[in-house]
Amino acid sequence: MVVRKISDPARPDASVLAEAVAVLRKGGLIILPTDTVYGLGTLPEYVGHLFAAKKRPVNKQIAWLIADIQHVPVILPPLAQRLAAAFWPGPLTLVLPHGDGAIGLRIPDHPVALSLLRALGGPLAVTSANVSGEQPACSAINAHRAVGSFADFILDAGPTRGDTASTVIRLHNDQIELLRTGTIHLAQIHSVISD
C-alpha cells in the first residue's frame, strides 16, 4: 500500500493525483478525504471490491462522487437541479432513478477529492472508509485502521472538517424521501424546495 501525505490540500500535487488515478484504473481501492469523512473509492466498474472491503450488504447502494454537474449520468429533474444548485458542492447525496434502479450522486466540497475527480475525468464510486455499521473515519489514520488492509493507496490530507456523513435523499416523481440524516437537515432541504 502507498500512502501520500498532502501537505497543501488546496493545491494537491499533480504527480500524487496521477499515482492515485493509475491505481484506480487498475481496479484498485483508494482512501481519500471528502468534505464529510474519509471515503474508500474505486471506479464504478469495480464496485464489487467496495462491497467486499466494507462487508456491506450488496443491496445497499454506493454513491458516485463527481467533479461537476456535467458528469451526472442522468437528466436531472427540476427539483434535483434546485437542490444541486443550493447544496453542491457539499454534503448532500441525491438518489435518482437510473435504468432499472437508482444512483446516488454527490459533488464533494473538498479540494483534494475534486482535484482527484478532475484528474480521473469521471465518477468515483465511494463509500465511507469504515466497516459497515461502525463510526466513519475522520482521518486517514482511522480510515487505514478500519479498511486499510483493502486499500492500495491513501491520500492523507489531514483531518476532515466534519465527522458526519452526507445527508442522503431519494427523489422520485417530485417527492423526496430522507434516507440518511447528515450534515444538511431536512428543514434546509424543505426551505429550498418551498422557495
Protein backbone atom coordinates (compact mmCIF):
# COMPACT_ATOMS: atom_id res chain seq x y z
CA MET A 1 0.00 0.00 0.00
CA VAL A 2 1.14 3.52 -0.84
CA VAL A 3 0.43 6.47 1.48
CA ARG A 4 0.81 10.00 0.18
CA LYS A 5 0.63 12.93 2.59
CA ILE A 6 -0.92 16.03 1.00
CA SER A 7 0.89 18.95 2.65
CA ASP A 8 -1.29 21.60 0.98
CA PRO A 9 -4.82 20.25 0.36
CA ALA A 10 -5.76 23.41 -1.56
CA ARG A 11 -3.05 22.55 -4.13
CA PRO A 12 -2.55 18.78 -4.24
CA ASP A 13 0.50 17.66 -6.18
CA ALA A 14 -0.45 16.58 -9.73
CA SER A 15 2.01 13.68 -9.65
CA VAL A 16 0.37 12.29 -6.50
CA LEU A 17 -3.05 12.56 -8.12
CA ALA A 18 -1.69 10.79 -11.21
CA GLU A 19 -0.47 7.93 -8.98
CA ALA A 20 -3.94 7.62 -7.46
CA VAL A 21 -5.60 7.65 -10.89
CA ALA A 22 -3.24 4.90 -12.09
CA VAL A 23 -4.21 2.75 -9.09
CA LEU A 24 -7.91 3.33 -9.80
CA ARG A 25 -7.57 2.48 -13.50
CA LYS A 26 -6.08 -0.90 -12.50
CA GLY A 27 -9.14 -1.67 -10.36
CA GLY A 28 -7.59 -0.59 -7.07
CA LEU A 29 -9.20 0.90 -3.98
CA ILE A 30 -8.09 4.23 -2.57
CA ILE A 31 -8.77 6.06 0.67
CA LEU A 32 -9.45 9.76 0.10
CA PRO A 33 -10.62 12.79 2.08
CA THR A 34 -14.00 14.38 1.43
CA ASP A 35 -15.79 17.34 2.97
CA THR A 36 -17.57 14.99 5.37
CA VAL A 37 -15.48 11.92 6.27
CA TYR A 38 -12.77 9.83 4.63
CA GLY A 39 -14.00 7.65 1.82
CA LEU A 40 -13.00 4.38 0.22
CA GLY A 41 -13.33 4.60 -3.54
CA THR A 42 -12.86 2.83 -6.83
CA LEU A 43 -14.05 3.14 -10.41
CA PRO A 44 -17.75 2.25 -10.75
CA GLU A 45 -16.95 -0.89 -12.77
CA TYR A 46 -15.03 -2.28 -9.77
CA VAL A 47 -17.70 -1.50 -7.17
CA GLY A 48 -17.78 -5.15 -6.05
CA HIS A 49 -14.41 -4.57 -4.40
CA LEU A 50 -16.04 -1.95 -2.14
CA PHE A 51 -18.78 -4.32 -1.00
CA ALA A 52 -16.17 -6.91 -0.05
CA ALA A 53 -13.97 -4.40 1.80
CA LYS A 54 -16.85 -2.87 3.74
CA LYS A 55 -18.56 -6.17 4.49
CA ARG A 56 -21.57 -4.31 3.17
CA PRO A 57 -24.79 -5.99 2.02
CA VAL A 58 -24.95 -5.88 -1.76
CA ASN A 59 -28.50 -4.49 -1.66
CA LYS A 60 -27.13 -1.22 -0.17
CA GLN A 61 -26.10 1.16 -2.92
CA ILE A 62 -22.81 3.00 -3.17
CA ALA A 63 -22.87 6.63 -4.30
CA TRP A 64 -20.80 8.20 -7.03
CA LEU A 65 -18.72 11.29 -6.43
CA ILE A 66 -18.48 13.57 -9.45
CA ALA A 67 -16.48 16.74 -10.12
CA ASP A 68 -19.23 18.78 -11.71
CA ILE A 69 -22.81 18.67 -12.92
CA GLN A 70 -21.71 17.73 -16.45
CA HIS A 71 -20.65 14.29 -15.16
CA VAL A 72 -24.19 13.42 -13.98
CA PRO A 73 -25.13 10.25 -15.90
CA VAL A 74 -28.88 11.02 -15.80
CA ILE A 75 -31.04 14.00 -16.70
CA LEU A 76 -31.64 15.93 -13.52
CA PRO A 77 -35.33 16.72 -12.96
CA PRO A 78 -36.09 20.35 -11.93
CA LEU A 79 -36.26 19.51 -8.22
CA ALA A 80 -32.85 17.83 -8.33
CA GLN A 81 -31.44 20.81 -10.23
CA ARG A 82 -32.64 23.18 -7.50
CA LEU A 83 -31.16 21.05 -4.73
CA ALA A 84 -27.88 20.60 -6.59
CA ALA A 85 -27.65 24.37 -7.16
CA ALA A 86 -28.25 25.00 -3.45
CA PHE A 87 -26.05 22.30 -1.91
CA TRP A 88 -23.38 21.20 -4.43
CA PRO A 89 -20.54 21.08 -3.94
CA GLY A 90 -21.40 19.89 -0.48
CA PRO A 91 -22.68 17.13 1.80
CA LEU A 92 -25.91 16.20 0.01
CA THR A 93 -26.27 12.92 -1.88
CA LEU A 94 -29.16 12.81 -4.33
CA VAL A 95 -30.55 9.36 -5.16
CA LEU A 96 -32.19 9.44 -8.59
CA PRO A 97 -33.87 6.86 -10.83
CA HIS A 98 -31.31 5.28 -13.16
CA GLY A 99 -32.13 2.45 -15.53
CA ASP A 100 -33.95 -0.27 -13.60
CA GLY A 101 -32.68 1.04 -10.27
CA ALA A 102 -31.27 4.21 -8.77
CA ILE A 103 -27.99 6.05 -8.45
CA GLY A 104 -26.67 8.26 -5.66
CA LEU A 105 -24.67 11.32 -6.75
CA ARG A 106 -22.70 14.00 -4.94
CA ILE A 107 -20.16 16.72 -5.68
CA PRO A 108 -17.86 16.90 -2.63
CA ASP A 109 -16.64 20.24 -1.31
CA HIS A 110 -13.04 19.19 -0.75
CA PRO A 111 -10.12 20.35 -2.94
CA VAL A 112 -8.30 17.00 -2.89
CA ALA A 113 -11.41 14.99 -3.79
CA LEU A 114 -12.35 17.45 -6.54
CA SER A 115 -8.81 17.53 -7.94
CA LEU A 116 -8.72 13.73 -8.00
CA LEU A 117 -12.09 13.53 -9.76
CA ARG A 118 -10.96 16.07 -12.36
CA ALA A 119 -7.71 14.17 -12.94
CA LEU A 120 -9.73 10.98 -13.30
CA GLY A 121 -12.16 12.62 -15.72
CA GLY A 122 -15.19 10.72 -14.48
CA PRO A 123 -17.08 9.43 -11.46
CA LEU A 124 -15.74 7.53 -8.49
CA ALA A 125 -17.80 5.02 -6.52
CA VAL A 126 -17.19 6.00 -2.90
CA THR A 127 -18.43 4.86 0.49
CA SER A 128 -17.26 5.90 3.94
CA ALA A 129 -13.92 4.35 4.89
CA ASN A 130 -15.15 2.18 7.73
CA VAL A 131 -16.60 -1.26 8.23
CA SER A 132 -20.35 -1.13 7.60
CA GLY A 133 -22.19 -0.10 10.76
CA GLU A 134 -19.13 1.36 12.51
CA GLN A 135 -18.19 5.01 13.06
CA PRO A 136 -16.94 6.86 9.95
CA ALA A 137 -13.26 7.80 9.80
CA CYS A 138 -12.34 11.48 10.09
CA SER A 139 -8.63 10.96 9.48
CA ALA A 140 -6.52 8.89 7.14
CA ILE A 141 -5.08 7.04 10.14
CA ASN A 142 -8.53 5.94 11.32
CA ALA A 143 -9.54 5.03 7.77
CA HIS A 144 -6.38 2.95 7.46
CA ARG A 145 -7.16 1.15 10.71
CA ALA A 146 -10.71 0.41 9.57
CA VAL A 147 -10.28 -0.65 5.94
CA GLY A 148 -6.62 -0.07 5.10
CA SER A 149 -5.95 -3.74 4.54
CA PHE A 150 -8.18 -3.48 1.45
CA ALA A 151 -6.79 -0.19 0.14
CA ASP A 152 -4.00 0.11 -2.39
CA PHE A 153 -3.43 3.85 -1.97
CA ILE A 154 -4.14 6.50 0.67
CA LEU A 155 -4.41 10.25 0.11
CA ASP A 156 -3.80 11.75 3.55
CA ALA A 157 -4.91 15.40 3.70
CA GLY A 158 -5.23 15.62 7.47
CA PRO A 159 -8.47 15.50 9.45
CA THR A 160 -11.77 16.17 7.73
CA ARG A 161 -13.78 19.29 8.52
CA GLY A 162 -16.70 17.29 9.81
CA ASP A 163 -17.46 13.96 11.41
CA THR A 164 -20.84 13.24 9.87
CA ALA A 165 -21.54 11.58 6.53
CA SER A 166 -23.60 13.30 3.85
CA THR A 167 -27.34 13.64 4.01
CA VAL A 168 -28.95 11.23 1.54
CA ILE A 169 -32.33 11.89 -0.05
CA ARG A 170 -34.18 9.95 -2.71
CA LEU A 171 -36.02 11.91 -5.40
CA HIS A 172 -38.87 10.27 -7.28
CA ASN A 173 -41.78 11.94 -9.09
CA ASP A 174 -41.04 15.30 -7.42
CA GLN A 175 -41.19 13.69 -3.98
CA ILE A 176 -38.30 13.48 -1.53
CA GLU A 177 -37.53 10.72 0.94
CA LEU A 178 -34.88 11.12 3.62
CA LEU A 179 -32.67 8.02 3.59
CA ARG A 180 -29.95 9.24 5.95
CA THR A 181 -29.66 12.29 8.15
CA GLY A 182 -26.31 14.01 7.81
CA THR A 183 -24.83 17.48 7.86
CA ILE A 184 -27.73 19.06 5.95
CA HIS A 185 -31.02 18.95 7.83
CA LEU A 186 -34.38 18.21 6.27
CA ALA A 187 -35.59 21.72 7.16
CA GLN A 188 -32.83 23.18 4.97
CA ILE A 189 -33.88 20.98 2.08
CA HIS A 190 -37.54 21.94 2.50
CA SER A 191 -36.63 25.62 2.55
CA VAL A 192 -35.01 25.25 -0.88
CA ILE A 193 -37.97 23.29 -2.22
CA SER A 194 -40.53 25.79 -0.95
CA ASP A 195 -38.76 28.89 -2.32
